Amino acid sequence: MIRVILLAGVAAMLVGCSDHNPRTLGAAVEGTAISVAAVRQSNAESRVVLQGTMTTKCPVAGCWFMLHDETGTIKVDTKNAGFVVVDVPLNSSLSVAGRVVTNGTERFIDATGVRY
């Protein structure tokens, strides 16, 4: 019994000490998230919010990253937003706000903000 109480106390301390404060880079991320697959069907210049996991990022400057959700992966460019993701750990779960851009062959997100 004492062992269970001690274990519960340690678990409560770990949960209470963990950092759950979301951080935002750039502009606030507001709106309902859509999937990567839905971005591929949306109009260029559409404003969107996505949620997923950062799987890869620019190894030099952190000026772009790849966002993955259950429907696919898309490139997110942060250069025009004035922030970088150098300090955001890979495999972080995050939300991205931005606009859909196309270069003729592929679509990507020109980010305005990231929350992680």
C-alpha atoms as a PDB file:
ATOM      1  CA  MET A   1       0.000   0.000   0.000  1.00  0.00           C
ATOM      2  CA  ILE A   2       2.783   2.401   0.893  1.00  0.00           C
ATOM      3  CA  ARG A   3       4.501   1.494  -2.363  1.00  0.00           C
ATOM      4  CA  VAL A   4       1.386   2.478  -4.362  1.00  0.00           C
ATOM      5  CA  ILE A   5       1.078   5.801  -2.530  1.00  0.00           C
ATOM      6  CA  LEU A   6       4.779   6.533  -3.078  1.00  0.00           C
ATOM      7  CA  LEU A   7       4.518   5.675  -6.774  1.00  0.00           C
ATOM      8  CA  ALA A   8       1.439   7.885  -7.162  1.00  0.00           C
ATOM      9  CA  GLY A   9       3.260  10.765  -5.445  1.00  0.00           C
ATOM     10  CA  VAL A  10       6.274  10.472  -7.743  1.00  0.00           C
ATOM     11  CA  ALA A  11       4.004  10.355 -10.804  1.00  0.00           C
ATOM     12  CA  ALA A  12       2.134  13.473  -9.639  1.00  0.00           C
ATOM     13  CA  MET A  13       5.417  15.341  -9.139  1.00  0.00           C
ATOM     14  CA  LEU A  14       6.624  14.414 -12.615  1.00  0.00           C
ATOM     15  CA  VAL A  15       3.388  15.565 -14.225  1.00  0.00           C
ATOM     16  CA  GLY A  16       3.355  18.774 -12.202  1.00  0.00           C
ATOM     17  CA  CYS A  17       6.966  19.594 -13.087  1.00  0.00           C
ATOM     18  CA  SER A  18       6.715  18.978 -16.807  1.00  0.00           C
ATOM     19  CA  ASP A  19       6.641  21.941 -19.191  1.00  0.00           C
ATOM     20  CA  HIS A  20       3.198  22.178 -20.845  1.00  0.00           C
ATOM     21  CA  ASN A  21       3.331  25.837 -21.850  1.00  0.00           C
ATOM     22  CA  PRO A  22       2.976  26.057 -25.616  1.00  0.00           C
ATOM     23  CA  ARG A  23       5.452  28.286 -27.394  1.00  0.00           C
ATOM     24  CA  THR A  24       4.613  30.393 -30.443  1.00  0.00           C
ATOM     25  CA  LEU A  25       7.003  31.573 -33.132  1.00  0.00           C
ATOM     26  CA  GLY A  26       5.788  34.317 -35.451  1.00  0.00           C
ATOM     27  CA  ALA A  27       2.091  35.218 -35.539  1.00  0.00           C
ATOM     28  CA  ALA A  28      -0.566  33.493 -33.421  1.00  0.00           C
ATOM     29  CA  VAL A  29      -1.860  30.208 -34.776  1.00  0.00           C
ATOM     30  CA  GLU A  30      -5.653  30.399 -34.846  1.00  0.00           C
ATOM     31  CA  GLY A  31      -8.276  28.412 -36.681  1.00  0.00           C
ATOM     32  CA  THR A  32      -9.392  24.870 -37.310  1.00  0.00           C
ATOM     33  CA  ALA A  33      -6.677  22.578 -38.580  1.00  0.00           C
ATOM     34  CA  ILE A  34      -7.018  20.782 -41.899  1.00  0.00           C
ATOM     35  CA  SER A  35      -5.032  17.801 -43.144  1.00  0.00           C
ATOM     36  CA  VAL A  36      -2.078  17.756 -45.511  1.00  0.00           C
ATOM     37  CA  ALA A  37      -4.315  15.956 -48.013  1.00  0.00           C
ATOM     38  CA  ALA A  38      -6.833  18.813 -47.818  1.00  0.00           C
ATOM     39  CA  VAL A  39      -4.059  21.341 -48.554  1.00  0.00           C
ATOM     40  CA  ARG A  40      -3.381  19.549 -51.817  1.00  0.00           C
ATOM     41  CA  GLN A  41      -7.009  20.222 -52.804  1.00  0.00           C
ATOM     42  CA  SER A  42      -7.146  23.835 -51.617  1.00  0.00           C
ATOM     43  CA  ASN A  43      -6.601  26.926 -53.734  1.00  0.00           C
ATOM     44  CA  ALA A  44      -3.203  28.580 -53.882  1.00  0.00           C
ATOM     45  CA  GLU A  45      -3.017  31.560 -51.518  1.00  0.00           C
ATOM     46  CA  SER A  46      -5.604  30.009 -49.154  1.00  0.00           C
ATOM     47  CA  ARG A  47      -4.931  30.653 -45.465  1.00  0.00           C
ATOM     48  CA  VAL A  48      -4.687  27.361 -43.562  1.00  0.00           C
ATOM     49  CA  VAL A  49      -3.829  25.810 -40.206  1.00  0.00           C
ATOM     50  CA  LEU A  50      -2.230  22.364 -40.035  1.00  0.00           C
ATOM     51  CA  GLN A  51      -1.282  20.058 -37.174  1.00  0.00           C
ATOM     52  CA  GLY A  52       1.363  17.382 -37.317  1.00  0.00           C
ATOM     53  CA  THR A  53       4.893  16.346 -36.469  1.00  0.00           C
ATOM     54  CA  MET A  54       8.081  18.025 -37.650  1.00  0.00           C
ATOM     55  CA  THR A  55      10.044  15.168 -39.216  1.00  0.00           C
ATOM     56  CA  THR A  56      12.905  17.042 -40.918  1.00  0.00           C
ATOM     57  CA  LYS A  57      14.201  20.603 -40.823  1.00  0.00           C
ATOM     58  CA  CYS A  58      16.808  22.745 -42.551  1.00  0.00           C
ATOM     59  CA  PRO A  59      20.066  21.614 -40.935  1.00  0.00           C
ATOM     60  CA  VAL A  60      21.802  24.964 -41.414  1.00  0.00           C
ATOM     61  CA  ALA A  61      19.387  27.802 -40.682  1.00  0.00           C
ATOM     62  CA  GLY A  62      16.097  26.166 -39.632  1.00  0.00           C
ATOM     63  CA  CYS A  63      14.263  28.152 -42.316  1.00  0.00           C
ATOM     64  CA  TRP A  64      12.036  25.252 -43.458  1.00  0.00           C
ATOM     65  CA  PHE A  65      10.747  21.947 -42.139  1.00  0.00           C
ATOM     66  CA  MET A  66       8.641  18.985 -43.200  1.00  0.00           C
ATOM     67  CA  LEU A  67       5.300  18.549 -41.427  1.00  0.00           C
ATOM     68  CA  HIS A  68       3.773  15.068 -41.347  1.00  0.00           C
ATOM     69  CA  ASP A  69       0.234  14.053 -40.409  1.00  0.00           C
ATOM     70  CA  GLU A  70      -1.744  10.852 -40.985  1.00  0.00           C
ATOM     71  CA  THR A  71      -2.530  11.930 -44.585  1.00  0.00           C
ATOM     72  CA  GLY A  72       0.914  12.938 -45.826  1.00  0.00           C
ATOM     73  CA  THR A  73       3.891  15.267 -45.586  1.00  0.00           C
ATOM     74  CA  ILE A  74       4.297  18.874 -46.735  1.00  0.00           C
ATOM     75  CA  LYS A  75       7.130  21.403 -46.709  1.00  0.00           C
ATOM     76  CA  VAL A  76       6.698  24.489 -44.504  1.00  0.00           C
ATOM     77  CA  ASP A  77       8.836  27.533 -45.286  1.00  0.00           C
ATOM     78  CA  THR A  78       9.462  30.045 -42.466  1.00  0.00           C
ATOM     79  CA  LYS A  79      11.786  32.538 -44.216  1.00  0.00           C
ATOM     80  CA  ASN A  80       9.120  35.166 -44.980  1.00  0.00           C
ATOM     81  CA  ALA A  81       7.694  34.960 -41.444  1.00  0.00           C
ATOM     82  CA  GLY A  82      10.926  36.114 -39.822  1.00  0.00           C
ATOM     83  CA  PHE A  83      11.500  33.128 -37.545  1.00  0.00           C
ATOM     84  CA  VAL A  84      13.391  29.842 -37.679  1.00  0.00           C
ATOM     85  CA  VAL A  85      12.852  26.443 -36.069  1.00  0.00           C
ATOM     86  CA  VAL A  86      16.465  25.760 -35.094  1.00  0.00           C
ATOM     87  CA  ASP A  87      15.543  25.319 -31.417  1.00  0.00           C
ATOM     88  CA  VAL A  88      12.391  23.249 -32.045  1.00  0.00           C
ATOM     89  CA  PRO A  89      13.240  19.553 -31.523  1.00  0.00           C
ATOM     90  CA  LEU A  90      12.622  17.106 -34.349  1.00  0.00           C
ATOM     91  CA  ASN A  91       9.502  14.980 -33.902  1.00  0.00           C
ATOM     92  CA  SER A  92       7.781  17.833 -32.055  1.00  0.00           C
ATOM     93  CA  SER A  93       4.032  18.012 -32.379  1.00  0.00           C
ATOM     94  CA  LEU A  94       3.074  21.434 -33.660  1.00  0.00           C
ATOM     95  CA  SER A  95       0.448  23.608 -35.304  1.00  0.00           C
ATOM     96  CA  VAL A  96       1.275  25.793 -38.286  1.00  0.00           C
ATOM     97  CA  ALA A  97      -0.591  28.777 -39.732  1.00  0.00           C
ATOM     98  CA  GLY A  98       0.215  30.062 -43.197  1.00  0.00           C
ATOM     99  CA  ARG A  99      -0.842  30.262 -46.794  1.00  0.00           C
ATOM    100  CA  VAL A 100      -0.736  27.649 -49.522  1.00  0.00           C
ATOM    101  CA  VAL A 101       1.886  28.347 -52.178  1.00  0.00           C
ATOM    102  CA  THR A 102       2.651  26.463 -55.352  1.00  0.00           C
ATOM    103  CA  ASN A 103       5.806  26.551 -57.441  1.00  0.00           C
ATOM    104  CA  GLY A 104       4.168  24.833 -60.395  1.00  0.00           C
ATOM    105  CA  THR A 105       4.954  21.266 -59.394  1.00  0.00           C
ATOM    106  CA  GLU A 106       4.415  21.128 -55.656  1.00  0.00           C
ATOM    107  CA  ARG A 107       2.455  22.846 -52.911  1.00  0.00           C
ATOM    108  CA  PHE A 108       3.996  24.030 -49.698  1.00  0.00           C
ATOM    109  CA  ILE A 109       3.079  26.290 -46.789  1.00  0.00           C
ATOM    110  CA  ASP A 110       4.469  29.799 -46.433  1.00  0.00           C
ATOM    111  CA  ALA A 111       4.240  29.945 -42.641  1.00  0.00           C
ATOM    112  CA  THR A 112       3.075  32.923 -40.622  1.00  0.00           C
ATOM    113  CA  GLY A 113       3.284  31.211 -37.222  1.00  0.00           C
ATOM    114  CA  VAL A 114       4.098  27.964 -35.431  1.00  0.00           C
ATOM    115  CA  ARG A 115       2.907  26.743 -32.026  1.00  0.00           C
ATOM    116  CA  TYR A 116       4.624  23.785 -30.316  1.00  0.00           C
END
